[in-house]
Structure formats: C-alpha cells, structure tokens
Protein backbone atom coordinates (compact mmCIF):
# COMPACT_ATOMS: atom_id res chain seq x y z
CA MET A 1 -9.21 0.49 -4.10
CA PHE A 2 -10.95 3.20 -6.12
CA THR A 3 -14.66 3.98 -6.21
CA GLN A 4 -14.14 5.98 -9.43
CA TYR A 5 -12.12 3.32 -11.26
CA MET A 6 -14.39 3.81 -14.29
CA ASN A 7 -13.11 7.39 -14.70
CA ASN A 8 -9.51 6.24 -15.12
CA PRO A 9 -9.21 2.50 -15.87
CA LEU A 10 -5.50 2.96 -16.67
CA LEU A 11 -4.77 2.60 -12.94
CA ILE A 12 -5.69 -1.08 -13.07
CA ASN A 13 -5.57 -1.92 -16.80
CA PRO A 14 -2.63 -1.02 -19.09
CA SER A 15 -4.64 -1.78 -22.24
CA TYR A 16 -6.63 1.44 -21.65
CA ALA A 17 -3.58 3.51 -22.67
CA GLY A 18 -4.38 5.61 -25.73
CA SER A 19 -8.03 4.56 -25.95
CA TYR A 20 -9.17 8.04 -24.89
CA GLY A 21 -8.16 9.30 -28.33
CA ASP A 22 -6.16 12.32 -27.09
CA LEU A 23 -3.41 13.15 -24.65
CA ASN A 24 -5.07 12.91 -21.24
CA PHE A 25 -3.90 13.70 -17.72
CA SER A 26 -5.84 12.42 -14.70
CA GLY A 27 -5.45 12.38 -10.95
CA ILE A 28 -7.26 10.68 -8.07
CA PHE A 29 -6.89 11.43 -4.38
CA ARG A 30 -8.54 9.02 -1.92
CA LYS A 31 -8.82 9.32 1.86
CA GLN A 32 -10.27 6.05 3.14
CA TRP A 33 -12.00 5.44 6.50
CA VAL A 34 -11.76 9.02 7.76
CA GLY A 35 -11.49 9.09 11.54
CA PHE A 36 -9.80 5.68 11.64
CA ASP A 37 -6.27 5.57 13.08
CA TRP A 38 -3.75 5.47 10.22
CA GLN A 39 -6.42 5.76 7.55
CA PRO A 40 -5.28 4.60 4.09
CA THR A 41 -4.43 7.53 1.83
CA THR A 42 -3.81 7.13 -1.89
CA THR A 43 -2.64 9.68 -4.46
CA THR A 44 -2.32 8.91 -8.18
CA PHE A 45 -1.41 10.74 -11.37
CA SER A 46 -1.49 9.27 -14.85
CA ILE A 47 -0.95 10.43 -18.41
CA HIS A 48 -1.50 8.56 -21.67
CA SER A 49 -1.87 9.22 -25.38
CA PRO A 50 -2.37 7.40 -28.69
CA PHE A 51 0.37 7.16 -31.33
CA ARG A 52 0.84 5.78 -34.85
CA ASN A 53 -2.66 6.63 -36.08
CA TYR A 54 -4.27 5.37 -32.87
CA LYS A 55 -2.79 1.89 -33.23
CA VAL A 56 -0.54 2.25 -30.19
CA GLY A 57 -1.11 3.80 -26.76
CA ILE A 58 1.60 4.80 -24.27
CA GLY A 59 1.08 5.94 -20.70
CA ALA A 60 2.66 6.39 -17.28
CA THR A 61 1.22 6.21 -13.78
CA PHE A 62 2.49 7.46 -10.42
CA ILE A 63 0.89 6.12 -7.24
CA ASN A 64 1.60 6.77 -3.56
CA ASP A 65 -0.18 4.67 -0.97
CA LYS A 66 0.11 5.11 2.82
CA ILE A 67 -1.36 3.05 5.62
CA GLY A 68 0.04 3.29 9.15
CA PRO A 69 3.82 2.88 9.20
CA VAL A 70 3.92 1.54 5.64
CA GLN A 71 4.25 3.62 2.49
CA GLN A 72 4.58 2.52 -1.13
CA THR A 73 5.46 4.72 -4.08
CA GLY A 74 5.18 3.28 -7.57
CA ILE A 75 5.98 4.43 -11.09
CA TYR A 76 4.65 2.31 -13.94
CA PHE A 77 4.72 2.61 -17.72
CA ASP A 78 1.94 1.31 -19.95
CA TYR A 79 1.94 0.11 -23.54
CA ALA A 80 -1.16 -0.91 -25.49
CA TYR A 81 -1.70 -2.16 -29.02
CA HIS A 82 -5.11 -1.34 -30.51
CA ILE A 83 -6.94 -3.40 -33.13
CA ILE A 84 -9.84 -1.66 -34.87
CA PHE A 85 -12.62 -3.76 -36.38
CA GLY A 86 -15.03 -2.80 -39.15
CA ASN A 87 -18.03 -2.27 -36.87
CA ASN A 88 -16.13 0.44 -34.94
CA ALA A 89 -15.24 -2.04 -32.21
CA HIS A 90 -11.80 -1.91 -30.63
CA LEU A 91 -9.63 -4.56 -28.98
CA SER A 92 -6.67 -3.37 -26.96
CA LEU A 93 -3.93 -5.53 -25.43
CA GLY A 94 -1.66 -3.93 -22.86
CA LEU A 95 1.52 -4.37 -20.86
CA LYS A 96 2.41 -2.57 -17.62
CA THR A 97 5.93 -2.45 -16.18
CA GLY A 98 7.63 -0.47 -13.44
CA PHE A 99 8.54 -0.61 -9.76
CA ASN A 100 7.36 0.03 -6.22
CA TYR A 101 9.50 1.60 -3.53
CA TYR A 102 8.35 0.05 -0.24
CA GLN A 103 9.10 1.84 3.05
CA LYS A 104 8.41 0.75 6.63
CA ASP A 105 8.89 3.00 9.68
CA LEU A 106 8.09 1.36 13.03
CA TYR A 107 9.52 4.04 15.33
CA ASN A 108 6.06 5.46 16.09
CA LEU A 109 4.43 2.14 16.98
CA ILE A 110 3.22 1.63 20.53
CA MET A 111 4.41 -1.87 21.46
CA SER A 112 2.12 -4.10 23.52
CA ASP A 113 5.15 -6.28 24.25
CA PRO A 114 8.07 -4.16 25.55
CA ILE A 115 10.58 -6.80 24.49
CA ASP A 116 9.42 -7.12 20.89
CA LYS A 117 12.79 -8.01 19.35
CA TRP A 118 11.52 -7.86 15.80
CA ILE A 119 10.60 -4.16 16.09
CA GLU A 120 13.80 -3.35 17.97
CA MET A 121 15.93 -4.92 15.28
CA ASN A 122 13.89 -3.73 12.26
CA PRO A 123 12.59 -0.20 12.96
CA LEU A 124 13.28 1.00 9.41
CA SER A 125 13.43 -0.78 6.08
CA SER A 126 12.93 -0.06 2.41
CA LYS A 127 12.98 -2.03 -0.80
CA PHE A 128 12.68 -1.56 -4.57
CA MET A 129 10.38 -4.10 -6.20
CA PHE A 130 10.11 -4.49 -9.96
CA ASN A 131 6.85 -5.78 -11.38
CA THR A 132 4.95 -6.20 -14.61
CA GLY A 133 1.32 -6.78 -15.56
CA VAL A 134 -1.02 -7.42 -18.47
CA GLY A 135 -4.51 -6.45 -19.56
CA GLY A 136 -7.13 -6.63 -22.28
CA TYR A 137 -9.90 -4.18 -23.16
CA TYR A 138 -12.69 -4.55 -25.74
CA TYR A 139 -15.06 -1.65 -26.35
CA THR A 140 -17.63 -0.34 -28.81
CA GLU A 141 -19.83 2.74 -28.78
CA LYS A 142 -22.32 0.95 -26.53
CA TYR A 143 -20.42 -1.32 -24.14
CA PHE A 144 -17.02 -2.44 -22.86
CA VAL A 145 -15.39 -5.39 -21.08
CA GLY A 146 -11.93 -5.60 -19.57
CA PHE A 147 -9.57 -7.94 -17.76
CA SER A 148 -6.22 -7.21 -16.12
CA ILE A 149 -3.57 -8.38 -13.68
CA PRO A 150 -1.55 -5.24 -12.90
CA LYS A 151 1.16 -7.14 -10.96
CA LEU A 152 2.22 -10.65 -11.95
CA ILE A 153 5.34 -11.03 -9.78
CA ARG A 154 4.77 -12.00 -6.13
CA ASN A 155 7.57 -9.93 -4.64
CA SER A 156 8.50 -10.50 -1.01
CA PHE A 157 8.43 -7.51 1.33
CA SER A 158 11.06 -9.15 3.54
CA ASP A 159 14.70 -10.08 3.20
CA LYS A 160 15.17 -13.82 2.95
CA ASP A 161 17.74 -13.90 5.75
CA ASP A 162 15.43 -12.10 8.20
CA THR A 163 14.04 -14.84 10.45
CA TYR A 164 12.18 -12.50 12.80
CA GLN A 165 9.31 -11.65 10.50
CA LEU A 166 6.71 -13.47 8.46
CA VAL A 167 7.25 -13.22 4.73
CA GLY A 168 4.61 -10.99 3.14
CA LYS A 169 4.23 -10.83 -0.62
CA GLU A 170 2.62 -8.72 -3.31
CA GLU A 171 -0.35 -10.84 -4.29
CA ARG A 172 -1.74 -10.99 -7.82
CA HIS A 173 -5.01 -9.08 -8.17
CA MET A 174 -7.29 -9.94 -11.07
CA PHE A 175 -9.77 -7.30 -12.23
CA PHE A 176 -12.85 -7.99 -14.37
CA THR A 177 -14.75 -4.93 -15.58
CA GLY A 178 -17.73 -4.31 -17.81
CA GLY A 179 -20.43 -1.79 -18.59
CA GLY A 180 -22.57 -0.09 -21.18
CA ILE A 181 -24.38 3.10 -22.14
CA PHE A 182 -28.12 3.36 -22.80
CA LYS A 183 -29.83 6.42 -24.25
CA VAL A 184 -33.20 7.12 -22.62
CA ASN A 185 -33.94 10.37 -24.45
CA SER A 186 -32.15 13.50 -25.67
CA ILE A 187 -31.48 14.56 -22.07
CA LEU A 188 -30.77 11.37 -20.14
CA LYS A 189 -28.38 8.45 -20.56
CA ILE A 190 -27.81 5.57 -18.15
CA LYS A 191 -24.42 3.95 -17.67
CA PRO A 192 -24.28 0.72 -15.61
CA SER A 193 -20.88 -0.78 -14.82
CA THR A 194 -19.34 -3.44 -12.62
CA MET A 195 -15.98 -4.58 -11.34
CA ILE A 196 -14.93 -7.88 -9.76
CA ARG A 197 -11.63 -7.95 -7.88
CA VAL A 198 -10.10 -11.36 -7.08
CA VAL A 199 -7.02 -11.97 -4.93
CA ASN A 200 -5.67 -15.06 -3.21
CA GLY A 201 -6.63 -15.37 0.46
CA SER A 202 -9.53 -12.92 0.37
CA PRO A 203 -13.20 -13.06 -0.67
CA ALA A 204 -13.91 -11.65 -4.13
CA SER A 205 -14.84 -7.95 -4.11
CA VAL A 206 -17.84 -7.13 -6.30
CA GLU A 207 -18.97 -3.60 -7.17
CA ILE A 208 -22.07 -2.53 -9.08
CA THR A 209 -22.42 1.09 -10.21
CA GLY A 210 -25.28 2.92 -11.89
CA THR A 211 -24.77 6.41 -13.32
CA ALA A 212 -27.26 8.89 -14.78
CA ILE A 213 -25.85 11.35 -17.33
CA LEU A 214 -27.79 14.58 -17.90
CA TYR A 215 -27.15 16.72 -20.97
CA ASP A 216 -23.77 14.97 -21.34
CA LYS A 217 -22.48 17.30 -18.62
CA PHE A 218 -23.70 16.14 -15.22
CA TRP A 219 -23.02 12.60 -13.96
CA MET A 220 -24.70 11.29 -10.79
CA GLY A 221 -24.71 7.74 -9.52
CA LEU A 222 -24.69 5.10 -6.81
CA MET A 223 -22.21 2.30 -6.16
CA TYR A 224 -22.65 -0.79 -4.01
CA ARG A 225 -19.59 -2.79 -2.95
CA PHE A 226 -20.90 -6.05 -1.50
CA GLN A 227 -20.29 -6.47 2.24
CA ASP A 228 -18.17 -3.31 2.33
CA ALA A 229 -19.68 0.04 1.34
CA VAL A 230 -22.28 2.04 -0.54
CA ALA A 231 -21.20 5.20 -2.35
CA VAL A 232 -22.55 8.24 -4.15
CA HIS A 233 -20.57 9.94 -6.90
CA VAL A 234 -20.97 13.07 -8.99
CA ARG A 235 -19.03 14.28 -11.99
CA MET A 236 -19.14 17.46 -14.04
CA GLN A 237 -17.92 18.05 -17.56
CA VAL A 238 -16.77 21.61 -16.88
CA ASN A 239 -15.80 22.07 -20.54
CA PRO A 240 -14.85 19.69 -23.37
CA ARG A 241 -11.36 19.29 -21.89
CA PHE A 242 -11.81 19.44 -18.13
CA GLN A 243 -13.67 17.03 -15.79
CA LEU A 244 -14.09 17.14 -12.03
CA ALA A 245 -15.63 14.40 -9.87
CA TYR A 246 -16.20 13.47 -6.24
CA SER A 247 -17.40 10.34 -4.44
CA TYR A 248 -18.24 9.47 -0.85
CA ASP A 249 -18.25 5.91 0.50
CA LEU A 250 -20.30 5.00 3.55
CA THR A 251 -18.96 1.84 5.16
CA ASN A 252 -21.52 -0.90 5.86
CA SER A 253 -19.10 -3.53 7.18
CA ARG A 254 -18.09 -4.04 10.83
CA LEU A 255 -15.76 -1.04 10.45
CA ARG A 256 -18.70 1.39 10.13
CA SER A 257 -18.63 2.24 13.86
CA TYR A 258 -14.99 3.33 13.67
CA ASN A 259 -14.88 5.73 10.71
CA PHE A 260 -16.81 8.49 8.94
CA GLY A 261 -16.59 7.12 5.41
CA SER A 262 -14.17 7.59 2.50
CA HIS A 263 -13.66 10.57 0.21
CA GLU A 264 -12.33 10.50 -3.34
CA ILE A 265 -11.59 13.39 -5.74
CA PHE A 266 -10.97 12.95 -9.47
CA VAL A 267 -9.67 15.52 -11.98
CA SER A 268 -9.00 15.07 -15.68
CA TYR A 269 -7.74 17.32 -18.46
CA THR A 270 -7.44 16.49 -22.15
CA PHE A 271 -4.89 18.20 -24.41
CA THR A 272 -5.49 18.65 -28.12
CA LYS A 273 -3.58 20.14 -31.01
CA LYS A 274 -4.58 23.54 -32.26
CA GLY A 275 -7.67 23.28 -34.44
CA GLN A 276 -8.30 19.65 -33.45
CA ARG A 277 -11.82 18.72 -32.37
CA ILE A 278 -12.31 16.78 -29.18
CA LEU A 279 -14.96 14.13 -28.70
CA SER A 280 -16.78 15.02 -25.49
CA PRO A 281 -17.89 13.41 -23.35
CA ARG A 282 -16.28 9.98 -23.52
CA TYR A 283 -18.34 7.31 -21.86
CA PHE A 284 -15.60 4.61 -21.79
C-alpha cells in the first residue's frame, strides 16, 4: 500500500516503464501504523528508461516488505511497448516478471498455547516464488487512466506436504487508476486522481486524492482512503532533476486507537544526457 502511488506508478503498473521520457530513479520508504507492534515497513527502489525512440520502456523494481515475523524481498523487471497517436496521446502495454523471496521466522513469537506443534516444527522457512503481471496505461497531456495486475500467479506460501498449516496464497490484486490536470491560472494547477484496489476476499479499497501545484514547484494535497485513512502529502521540485516528497496517513478505522499514523518518504532523480533538455515537471 502506497499513499504516493501517483509519484511512481511503476510499482504497481509495468506499462509505466519508459513513459517518464528519461532515465529515472525513484525510491519510497513507508512506515505504516507507527506505534503498532510489528508495524509494516516497506522499502522500494525502481529505475526505468525509454529506448528505441521512446517506443519501448524497460525498468526494474526492488521491494522489501516486513510485517511481524514475515519478510518478503522481491526483484521484478518491467517491459512496456508504447504506441503514440497523432493527438499526442500515448497507449502503453506492459509486462512485469520476477520473483519474491519469502521468509518466516517464528522464534520470537510468544505462544498462547505452549504445545503449539506447528510453531515447534516450523520455526523457520523460506521460499522463492516466481510471478508475472500485466498492465495498460493511456495518457495525454491532460489526463491518464491505467489498469494492472502486478501478480497473476497465486503462489502458495506453504509446502504441499505440510499438513500443520493452512495454505496461504499470493492473491491477485487489480489496480484501476485515473486522474487529470487542470490549469487554474499561471500560478496554480489542480491534479485530482483516484485508485481502486480489488482483491479476492477483501472489500475494494478506494482512494481519492486532490493535489494543488504552485509555480510547478510545490505540490500539496489531501488523500482519503475510504474506511481506512486520511492523508496529507507535500512534494517539492527541488530542481528539474530532483524531487522530494512526504506524506502522513492518519488512520480512521478501528485501528486508530493503536497507532500514531503512517509515514512515507519519496525521492526521485532523473538522469539526462549532456546538453539534453528535461521536461519538468511531469504531471503523469
């Protein structure tokens, strides 16, 4: 889960690879539910660039996710093919492939049942899990829409011959995104965006974000995630190549009494060839 998904859509949609127009490196660090025991912590790094006269995009993403005794580390590679239409609209179709390394360490658990045989027999385990995903992304100078399923294969976290534990699987998550940019005057622009996250066995997650952009340098906005959290986010275009952003989520679900919110930091740097101009800022 990322509050600032709109700053780096490559994390959830492979078709974004290369659409930035230049070689770009981005990172997001998220500390969720601060004060909560075993708070989820996520660290990501991604890099992508266009090739073949902007017809192809290639990228790579590293992600490490920790929650309690479980840790997952993933490396994924992204490929996107870009179709450019006459009205300066772009359609990108993408493929994501890679693997997760799943680790479970139950030594530090406090057992409520002192004869829990499952924990005694399975204190440590790890597993490599290959996966692949798809995505589509259509954007113009004024709006964008996207759809993706980053993981199509429902890998099992358990060994088939292990009868002591329930079989958990990687569920398919479907992401629907959209947004636009509206110029109010020479100083102010407004960027609304939304994301819908759908997964089997859970209610759909819906986020609505509104961002005000001042002088194309300062970004300030609010996000509302239905039945979960409200967030504020700020972003600064330090120079044409470097961006820095921060967001804070305040939980409004039943968990609000047990944590102090979630923090997320985003950094981005764009590399260009000597003498090459960079289009800054990029709204999508």
